[in-house]
C-alpha atoms as a PDB file:
ATOM      1  CA  MET A   1     112.181  78.252 112.307  1.00  0.00           C
ATOM      2  CA  GLY A   2     110.117  81.357 112.932  1.00  0.00           C
ATOM      3  CA  LYS A   3     111.038  84.431 114.882  1.00  0.00           C
ATOM      4  CA  ARG A   4     112.128  84.270 118.497  1.00  0.00           C
ATOM      5  CA  MET A   5     109.062  84.015 120.757  1.00  0.00           C
ATOM      6  CA  LEU A   6     110.671  83.681 124.191  1.00  0.00           C
ATOM      7  CA  ASN A   7     114.250  84.385 125.229  1.00  0.00           C
ATOM      8  CA  VAL A   8     115.473  83.546 128.739  1.00  0.00           C
ATOM      9  CA  GLN A   9     118.944  84.723 129.754  1.00  0.00           C
ATOM     10  CA  GLY A  10     120.823  84.391 133.013  1.00  0.00           C
ATOM     11  CA  LEU A  11     117.673  83.410 134.905  1.00  0.00           C
ATOM     12  CA  HIS A  12     118.048  82.892 138.656  1.00  0.00           C
ATOM     13  CA  ALA A  13     115.026  81.957 140.765  1.00  0.00           C
ATOM     14  CA  TYR A  14     114.407  81.532 144.475  1.00  0.00           C
ATOM     15  CA  TYR A  15     111.921  80.010 146.902  1.00  0.00           C
ATOM     16  CA  GLY A  16     112.508  81.991 150.084  1.00  0.00           C
ATOM     17  CA  LYS A  17     116.237  81.630 150.753  1.00  0.00           C
ATOM     18  CA  SER A  18     116.600  78.566 148.479  1.00  0.00           C
ATOM     19  CA  HIS A  19     118.397  79.364 145.214  1.00  0.00           C
ATOM     20  CA  ILE A  20     116.735  77.046 142.651  1.00  0.00           C
ATOM     21  CA  LEU A  21     117.758  78.267 139.171  1.00  0.00           C
ATOM     22  CA  HIS A  22     121.380  79.226 138.554  1.00  0.00           C
ATOM     23  CA  GLY A  23     121.686  81.323 135.406  1.00  0.00           C
ATOM     24  CA  VAL A  24     119.435  79.470 132.946  1.00  0.00           C
ATOM     25  CA  ASP A  25     119.611  80.370 129.232  1.00  0.00           C
ATOM     26  CA  ALA A  26     116.915  79.047 126.872  1.00  0.00           C
ATOM     27  CA  HIS A  27     114.750  80.152 123.966  1.00  0.00           C
ATOM     28  CA  ILE A  28     111.629  79.149 122.047  1.00  0.00           C
ATOM     29  CA  ASP A  29     110.842  80.202 118.470  1.00  0.00           C
ATOM     30  CA  GLU A  30     107.422  80.806 116.915  1.00  0.00           C
ATOM     31  CA  GLY A  31     105.547  77.559 116.322  1.00  0.00           C
ATOM     32  CA  GLU A  32     108.170  75.459 118.081  1.00  0.00           C
ATOM     33  CA  ILE A  33     107.614  72.739 120.679  1.00  0.00           C
ATOM     34  CA  VAL A  34     110.510  72.578 123.117  1.00  0.00           C
ATOM     35  CA  ALA A  35     110.714  69.869 125.798  1.00  0.00           C
ATOM     36  CA  LEU A  36     112.283  70.618 129.177  1.00  0.00           C
ATOM     37  CA  LEU A  37     113.428  67.332 130.683  1.00  0.00           C
ATOM     38  CA  GLY A  38     115.066  66.361 133.951  1.00  0.00           C
ATOM     39  CA  ARG A  39     114.442  64.515 137.171  1.00  0.00           C
ATOM     40  CA  ASN A  40     111.952  65.780 139.745  1.00  0.00           C
ATOM     41  CA  GLY A  41     113.240  68.616 141.898  1.00  0.00           C
ATOM     42  CA  VAL A  42     115.851  70.013 139.469  1.00  0.00           C
ATOM     43  CA  GLY A  43     113.960  73.283 138.848  1.00  0.00           C
ATOM     44  CA  ARG A  44     111.851  72.672 135.725  1.00  0.00           C
ATOM     45  CA  SER A  45     108.538  73.811 137.242  1.00  0.00           C
ATOM     46  CA  THR A  46     110.345  76.713 138.896  1.00  0.00           C
ATOM     47  CA  MET A  47     111.524  77.867 135.473  1.00  0.00           C
ATOM     48  CA  ALA A  48     107.927  77.986 134.202  1.00  0.00           C
ATOM     49  CA  LYS A  49     106.818  79.874 137.314  1.00  0.00           C
ATOM     50  CA  ALA A  50     109.731  82.330 136.994  1.00  0.00           C
ATOM     51  CA  ILE A  51     108.750  83.074 133.370  1.00  0.00           C
ATOM     52  CA  LEU A  52     105.190  83.732 134.590  1.00  0.00           C
ATOM     53  CA  GLY A  53     106.215  85.983 137.490  1.00  0.00           C
ATOM     54  CA  MET A  54     105.069  83.501 140.141  1.00  0.00           C
ATOM     55  CA  VAL A  55     108.391  83.215 142.003  1.00  0.00           C
ATOM     56  CA  LYS A  56     111.174  85.638 142.863  1.00  0.00           C
ATOM     57  CA  ALA A  57     113.577  85.791 139.909  1.00  0.00           C
ATOM     58  CA  GLU A  58     116.480  87.770 138.414  1.00  0.00           C
ATOM     59  CA  GLY A  59     117.917  87.915 134.918  1.00  0.00           C
ATOM     60  CA  SER A  60     116.032  88.484 131.679  1.00  0.00           C
ATOM     61  CA  VAL A  61     112.843  86.980 130.230  1.00  0.00           C
ATOM     62  CA  ARG A  62     111.832  88.523 126.915  1.00  0.00           C
ATOM     63  CA  PHE A  63     108.540  87.649 125.197  1.00  0.00           C
ATOM     64  CA  ARG A  64     108.340  88.911 121.600  1.00  0.00           C
ATOM     65  CA  ASP A  65     111.409  91.000 122.452  1.00  0.00           C
ATOM     66  CA  GLU A  66     109.622  92.709 125.376  1.00  0.00           C
ATOM     67  CA  GLU A  67     111.090  92.309 128.879  1.00  0.00           C
ATOM     68  CA  ILE A  68     108.489  90.672 131.122  1.00  0.00           C
ATOM     69  CA  LEU A  69     110.539  89.794 134.211  1.00  0.00           C
ATOM     70  CA  GLY A  70     109.140  91.793 137.124  1.00  0.00           C
ATOM     71  CA  ARG A  71     105.645  92.040 135.686  1.00  0.00           C
ATOM     72  CA  ARG A  72     102.657  90.559 137.467  1.00  0.00           C
ATOM     73  CA  THR A  73     101.356  87.166 136.416  1.00  0.00           C
ATOM     74  CA  PHE A  74      98.038  88.395 135.012  1.00  0.00           C
ATOM     75  CA  GLU A  75      99.847  91.016 132.908  1.00  0.00           C
ATOM     76  CA  ILE A  76     102.126  88.325 131.474  1.00  0.00           C
ATOM     77  CA  ALA A  77      99.108  86.121 130.709  1.00  0.00           C
ATOM     78  CA  HIS A  78      97.425  89.004 128.863  1.00  0.00           C
ATOM     79  CA  LEU A  79     100.455  89.338 126.594  1.00  0.00           C
ATOM     80  CA  GLY A  80      99.695  85.861 125.232  1.00  0.00           C
ATOM     81  CA  ILE A  81     101.307  83.252 127.499  1.00  0.00           C
ATOM     82  CA  GLY A  82      99.150  80.362 128.705  1.00  0.00           C
ATOM     83  CA  TYR A  83      99.980  78.038 131.597  1.00  0.00           C
ATOM     84  CA  VAL A  84      98.801  74.513 132.311  1.00  0.00           C
ATOM     85  CA  PRO A  85      99.870  73.774 135.898  1.00  0.00           C
ATOM     86  CA  GLU A  86     100.673  70.322 137.184  1.00  0.00           C
ATOM     87  CA  ASN A  87      97.816  70.408 139.720  1.00  0.00           C
ATOM     88  CA  ARG A  88      94.916  70.606 137.193  1.00  0.00           C
ATOM     89  CA  ASP A  89      93.553  73.949 138.238  1.00  0.00           C
ATOM     90  CA  ILE A  90      89.812  73.757 137.479  1.00  0.00           C
ATOM     91  CA  PHE A  91      86.681  75.300 139.013  1.00  0.00           C
ATOM     92  CA  PRO A  92      85.106  72.177 140.580  1.00  0.00           C
ATOM     93  CA  THR A  93      81.587  73.525 141.147  1.00  0.00           C
ATOM     94  CA  LEU A  94      81.203  74.823 137.563  1.00  0.00           C
ATOM     95  CA  THR A  95      80.283  72.654 134.581  1.00  0.00           C
ATOM     96  CA  VAL A  96      82.752  71.682 131.871  1.00  0.00           C
ATOM     97  CA  ARG A  97      81.247  74.242 129.479  1.00  0.00           C
ATOM     98  CA  GLN A  98      81.333  76.991 132.129  1.00  0.00           C
ATOM     99  CA  ASN A  99      84.990  76.241 132.842  1.00  0.00           C
ATOM    100  CA  LEU A 100      85.802  76.603 129.150  1.00  0.00           C
ATOM    101  CA  LEU A 101      83.854  79.844 128.762  1.00  0.00           C
ATOM    102  CA  LEU A 102      85.622  81.312 131.811  1.00  0.00           C
ATOM    103  CA  GLY A 103      88.929  80.794 130.021  1.00  0.00           C
ATOM    104  CA  GLU A 104      87.777  82.666 126.914  1.00  0.00           C
ATOM    105  CA  LYS A 105      89.766  85.755 125.951  1.00  0.00           C
ATOM    106  CA  ARG A 106      90.084  87.443 122.594  1.00  0.00           C
ATOM    107  CA  ASN A 107      93.630  87.787 121.279  1.00  0.00           C
ATOM    108  CA  PRO A 108      93.985  91.298 119.798  1.00  0.00           C
ATOM    109  CA  ARG A 109      96.391  89.898 117.175  1.00  0.00           C
ATOM    110  CA  GLN A 110      93.708  87.511 115.824  1.00  0.00           C
ATOM    111  CA  ALA A 111      90.839  88.751 113.647  1.00  0.00           C
ATOM    112  CA  ARG A 112      88.642  86.007 115.084  1.00  0.00           C
ATOM    113  CA  PRO A 113      89.104  83.503 117.918  1.00  0.00           C
ATOM    114  CA  ARG A 114      91.585  80.755 117.073  1.00  0.00           C
ATOM    115  CA  TRP A 115      89.662  78.321 119.293  1.00  0.00           C
ATOM    116  CA  THR A 116      85.992  77.772 120.125  1.00  0.00           C
ATOM    117  CA  VAL A 117      84.279  75.552 122.690  1.00  0.00           C
ATOM    118  CA  GLU A 118      83.294  73.299 119.765  1.00  0.00           C
ATOM    119  CA  ASP A 119      86.978  72.939 118.816  1.00  0.00           C
ATOM    120  CA  MET A 120      87.632  71.655 122.321  1.00  0.00           C
ATOM    121  CA  PHE A 121      84.771  69.163 122.106  1.00  0.00           C
ATOM    122  CA  ASN A 122      86.049  67.953 118.722  1.00  0.00           C
ATOM    123  CA  MET A 123      89.528  67.464 120.170  1.00  0.00           C
ATOM    124  CA  PHE A 124      88.290  65.686 123.298  1.00  0.00           C
ATOM    125  CA  PRO A 125      84.827  64.176 122.588  1.00  0.00           C
ATOM    126  CA  ARG A 126      84.711  62.964 126.190  1.00  0.00           C
ATOM    127  CA  LEU A 127      84.378  66.595 127.320  1.00  0.00           C
ATOM    128  CA  LYS A 128      81.381  67.040 124.990  1.00  0.00           C
ATOM    129  CA  GLU A 129      79.709  64.074 126.703  1.00  0.00           C
ATOM    130  CA  ARG A 130      80.363  65.732 130.069  1.00  0.00           C
ATOM    131  CA  GLU A 131      79.713  69.359 129.100  1.00  0.00           C
ATOM    132  CA  ASN A 132      76.972  69.901 131.707  1.00  0.00           C
ATOM    133  CA  THR A 133      78.733  67.927 134.449  1.00  0.00           C
ATOM    134  CA  SER A 134      80.436  69.651 137.399  1.00  0.00           C
ATOM    135  CA  ALA A 135      84.182  69.609 136.787  1.00  0.00           C
ATOM    136  CA  GLY A 136      84.857  68.390 140.325  1.00  0.00           C
ATOM    137  CA  VAL A 137      83.390  64.941 139.608  1.00  0.00           C
ATOM    138  CA  LEU A 138      85.435  64.338 136.436  1.00  0.00           C
ATOM    139  CA  SER A 139      88.183  61.719 136.433  1.00  0.00           C
ATOM    140  CA  GLY A 140      91.808  62.839 136.624  1.00  0.00           C
ATOM    141  CA  GLY A 141      92.213  62.357 132.875  1.00  0.00           C
ATOM    142  CA  GLU A 142      89.057  64.345 132.107  1.00  0.00           C
ATOM    143  CA  GLN A 143      90.187  67.151 134.420  1.00  0.00           C
ATOM    144  CA  GLN A 144      93.521  67.245 132.603  1.00  0.00           C
ATOM    145  CA  MET A 145      91.734  67.520 129.235  1.00  0.00           C
ATOM    146  CA  LEU A 146      89.631  70.364 130.651  1.00  0.00           C
ATOM    147  CA  THR A 147      92.669  72.221 132.000  1.00  0.00           C
ATOM    148  CA  LEU A 148      94.459  71.931 128.650  1.00  0.00           C
ATOM    149  CA  CYS A 149      91.380  73.168 126.779  1.00  0.00           C
ATOM    150  CA  ARG A 150      90.612  76.027 129.153  1.00  0.00           C
ATOM    151  CA  THR A 151      94.128  77.363 128.651  1.00  0.00           C
ATOM    152  CA  LEU A 152      93.608  77.346 124.870  1.00  0.00           C
ATOM    153  CA  MET A 153      90.360  79.324 125.213  1.00  0.00           C
ATOM    154  CA  GLY A 154      92.564  82.238 126.320  1.00  0.00           C
ATOM    155  CA  ASP A 155      94.077  82.126 122.798  1.00  0.00           C
ATOM    156  CA  PRO A 156      97.748  82.135 123.866  1.00  0.00           C
ATOM    157  CA  ASP A 157     100.676  82.291 121.428  1.00  0.00           C
ATOM    158  CA  LEU A 158     102.926  80.396 123.847  1.00  0.00           C
ATOM    159  CA  VAL A 159     101.812  77.691 126.283  1.00  0.00           C
ATOM    160  CA  LEU A 160     103.865  76.405 129.217  1.00  0.00           C
ATOM    161  CA  ILE A 161     102.633  72.899 130.083  1.00  0.00           C
ATOM    162  CA  ASP A 162     103.800  71.235 133.296  1.00  0.00           C
ATOM    163  CA  GLU A 163     103.685  67.407 133.385  1.00  0.00           C
ATOM    164  CA  PRO A 164     100.466  66.983 131.350  1.00  0.00           C
ATOM    165  CA  THR A 165     100.628  63.179 131.305  1.00  0.00           C
ATOM    166  CA  GLU A 166     101.416  62.645 135.008  1.00  0.00           C
ATOM    167  CA  GLY A 167      99.280  59.831 136.414  1.00  0.00           C
ATOM    168  CA  LEU A 168      97.216  59.360 133.260  1.00  0.00           C
ATOM    169  CA  ALA A 169      96.221  56.103 131.564  1.00  0.00           C
ATOM    170  CA  PRO A 170      98.102  55.323 128.311  1.00  0.00           C
ATOM    171  CA  MET A 171      95.024  56.043 126.172  1.00  0.00           C
ATOM    172  CA  ILE A 172      94.708  59.541 127.667  1.00  0.00           C
ATOM    173  CA  VAL A 173      98.469  60.091 127.268  1.00  0.00           C
ATOM    174  CA  ALA A 174      98.036  59.426 123.526  1.00  0.00           C
ATOM    175  CA  LEU A 175      95.212  62.009 123.395  1.00  0.00           C
ATOM    176  CA  VAL A 176      97.432  64.584 125.109  1.00  0.00           C
ATOM    177  CA  GLY A 177     100.109  63.867 122.488  1.00  0.00           C
ATOM    178  CA  ASP A 178      97.572  64.535 119.713  1.00  0.00           C
ATOM    179  CA  TYR A 179      96.544  67.770 121.449  1.00  0.00           C
ATOM    180  CA  LEU A 180     100.162  68.960 121.498  1.00  0.00           C
ATOM    181  CA  LYS A 181     100.544  68.177 117.796  1.00  0.00           C
ATOM    182  CA  THR A 182      97.362  70.202 117.115  1.00  0.00           C
ATOM    183  CA  LEU A 183      98.932  73.186 118.894  1.00  0.00           C
ATOM    184  CA  LYS A 184     101.972  72.931 116.652  1.00  0.00           C
ATOM    185  CA  GLU A 185      99.756  72.764 113.538  1.00  0.00           C
ATOM    186  CA  ARG A 186      98.031  75.981 114.643  1.00  0.00           C
ATOM    187  CA  GLY A 187     101.381  77.752 115.071  1.00  0.00           C
ATOM    188  CA  ILE A 188     101.390  77.871 118.869  1.00  0.00           C
ATOM    189  CA  SER A 189     104.727  77.643 120.658  1.00  0.00           C
ATOM    190  CA  VAL A 190     104.989  75.193 123.552  1.00  0.00           C
ATOM    191  CA  LEU A 191     107.369  74.654 126.452  1.00  0.00           C
ATOM    192  CA  LEU A 192     106.614  71.103 127.569  1.00  0.00           C
ATOM    193  CA  ILE A 193     107.830  69.985 130.991  1.00  0.00           C
ATOM    194  CA  GLU A 194     107.559  66.221 130.869  1.00  0.00           C
ATOM    195  CA  GLN A 195     108.869  63.106 132.609  1.00  0.00           C
ATOM    196  CA  LYS A 196     107.903  60.655 129.865  1.00  0.00           C
ATOM    197  CA  LEU A 197     110.829  60.672 127.465  1.00  0.00           C
ATOM    198  CA  ALA A 198     108.969  58.934 124.625  1.00  0.00           C
ATOM    199  CA  ILE A 199     106.190  61.524 124.251  1.00  0.00           C
ATOM    200  CA  ALA A 200     108.590  64.458 124.723  1.00  0.00           C
ATOM    201  CA  LEU A 201     110.989  63.216 122.064  1.00  0.00           C
ATOM    202  CA  ASP A 202     108.158  62.308 119.699  1.00  0.00           C
ATOM    203  CA  ILE A 203     106.589  65.768 119.505  1.00  0.00           C
ATOM    204  CA  SER A 204     109.361  68.287 120.242  1.00  0.00           C
ATOM    205  CA  GLN A 205     111.776  69.911 117.810  1.00  0.00           C
ATOM    206  CA  ARG A 206     114.328  70.724 120.486  1.00  0.00           C
ATOM    207  CA  VAL A 207     115.107  69.473 123.962  1.00  0.00           C
ATOM    208  CA  TYR A 208     116.663  71.017 127.048  1.00  0.00           C
ATOM    209  CA  VAL A 209     117.809  68.833 129.931  1.00  0.00           C
ATOM    210  CA  MET A 210     117.996  70.489 133.343  1.00  0.00           C
ATOM    211  CA  GLY A 211     120.099  69.337 136.280  1.00  0.00           C
ATOM    212  CA  HIS A 212     120.589  71.135 139.611  1.00  0.00           C
ATOM    213  CA  GLY A 213     119.089  74.374 138.281  1.00  0.00           C
ATOM    214  CA  HIS A 214     121.313  74.499 135.181  1.00  0.00           C
ATOM    215  CA  ILE A 215     120.732  73.544 131.542  1.00  0.00           C
ATOM    216  CA  VAL A 216     123.091  70.603 131.011  1.00  0.00           C
ATOM    217  CA  PHE A 217     122.071  69.728 127.428  1.00  0.00           C
ATOM    218  CA  GLU A 218     120.436  71.413 124.438  1.00  0.00           C
ATOM    219  CA  GLY A 219     119.816  69.666 121.141  1.00  0.00           C
ATOM    220  CA  THR A 220     117.392  67.777 118.940  1.00  0.00           C
ATOM    221  CA  PRO A 221     115.545  64.649 120.104  1.00  0.00           C
ATOM    222  CA  ALA A 222     117.834  62.596 117.838  1.00  0.00           C
ATOM    223  CA  GLU A 223     120.921  64.103 119.478  1.00  0.00           C
ATOM    224  CA  LEU A 224     119.583  63.279 122.936  1.00  0.00           C
ATOM    225  CA  LYS A 225     118.766  59.713 121.891  1.00  0.00           C
ATOM    226  CA  ALA A 226     122.354  59.375 120.667  1.00  0.00           C
ATOM    227  CA  ASN A 227     123.849  60.802 123.877  1.00  0.00           C
ATOM    228  CA  SER A 228     123.688  57.939 126.355  1.00  0.00           C
ATOM    229  CA  GLN A 229     125.944  59.745 128.841  1.00  0.00           C
ATOM    230  CA  ILE A 230     123.559  62.688 129.292  1.00  0.00           C
ATOM    231  CA  ARG A 231     120.561  60.361 129.559  1.00  0.00           C
ATOM    232  CA  LYS A 232     122.284  58.173 132.121  1.00  0.00           C
ATOM    233  CA  GLU A 233     123.587  61.042 134.243  1.00  0.00           C
ATOM    234  CA  TRP A 234     120.578  63.367 134.185  1.00  0.00           C
ATOM    235  CA  LEU A 235     117.436  61.459 133.168  1.00  0.00           C
ATOM    236  CA  GLU A 236     117.469  57.756 133.916  1.00  0.00           C
ATOM    237  CA  VAL A 237     116.413  56.665 137.393  1.00  0.00           C
END
């Protein structure tokens, strides 16, 4: 594995008076895809938002060995962390191409952009067909493709992706899986929050399982597959 990209220690997070995360420890190395699994409502999305400075949090979040907890969200993004939210955050009145160009940001650590608009169209040819269409009239699957691609245009080194396959047709789910593998090939680290066990275990090197705001399991996909007790207690409905 590469060097440590993200290190989370003793992370507590709150919504108002509700205490959601209770001392979470986790890490992601360079070029690693890590899946964060668990049932709805256990705190997985809150963890992503705490890393990004979007909710009240305490503890330590270090990105490339620099403490980022307490910084503002846009400052954290500029350091090289991308975020794909669950709610497909697009600009509905702008075209597909305009949405992609709005996401563009040069990474000072890269001599030239790692990603171009043409890369996005090669990855998702459907977006090329719709490049001059207003994003608001795209299907849910097309909007998800656009959100994933717009995040990459910011040239992040780490991407936090929240439920990318939620509500998508199986064919689109397979495309999202290919996209995630492409990120790994390009050396981008990923924290994948996902309900679908099959896709998460297929593409990740390591897995965390969260329950009641704690990490209750850490291991490889093979170790999770072999641990029926953890799956039964914390994952299966």
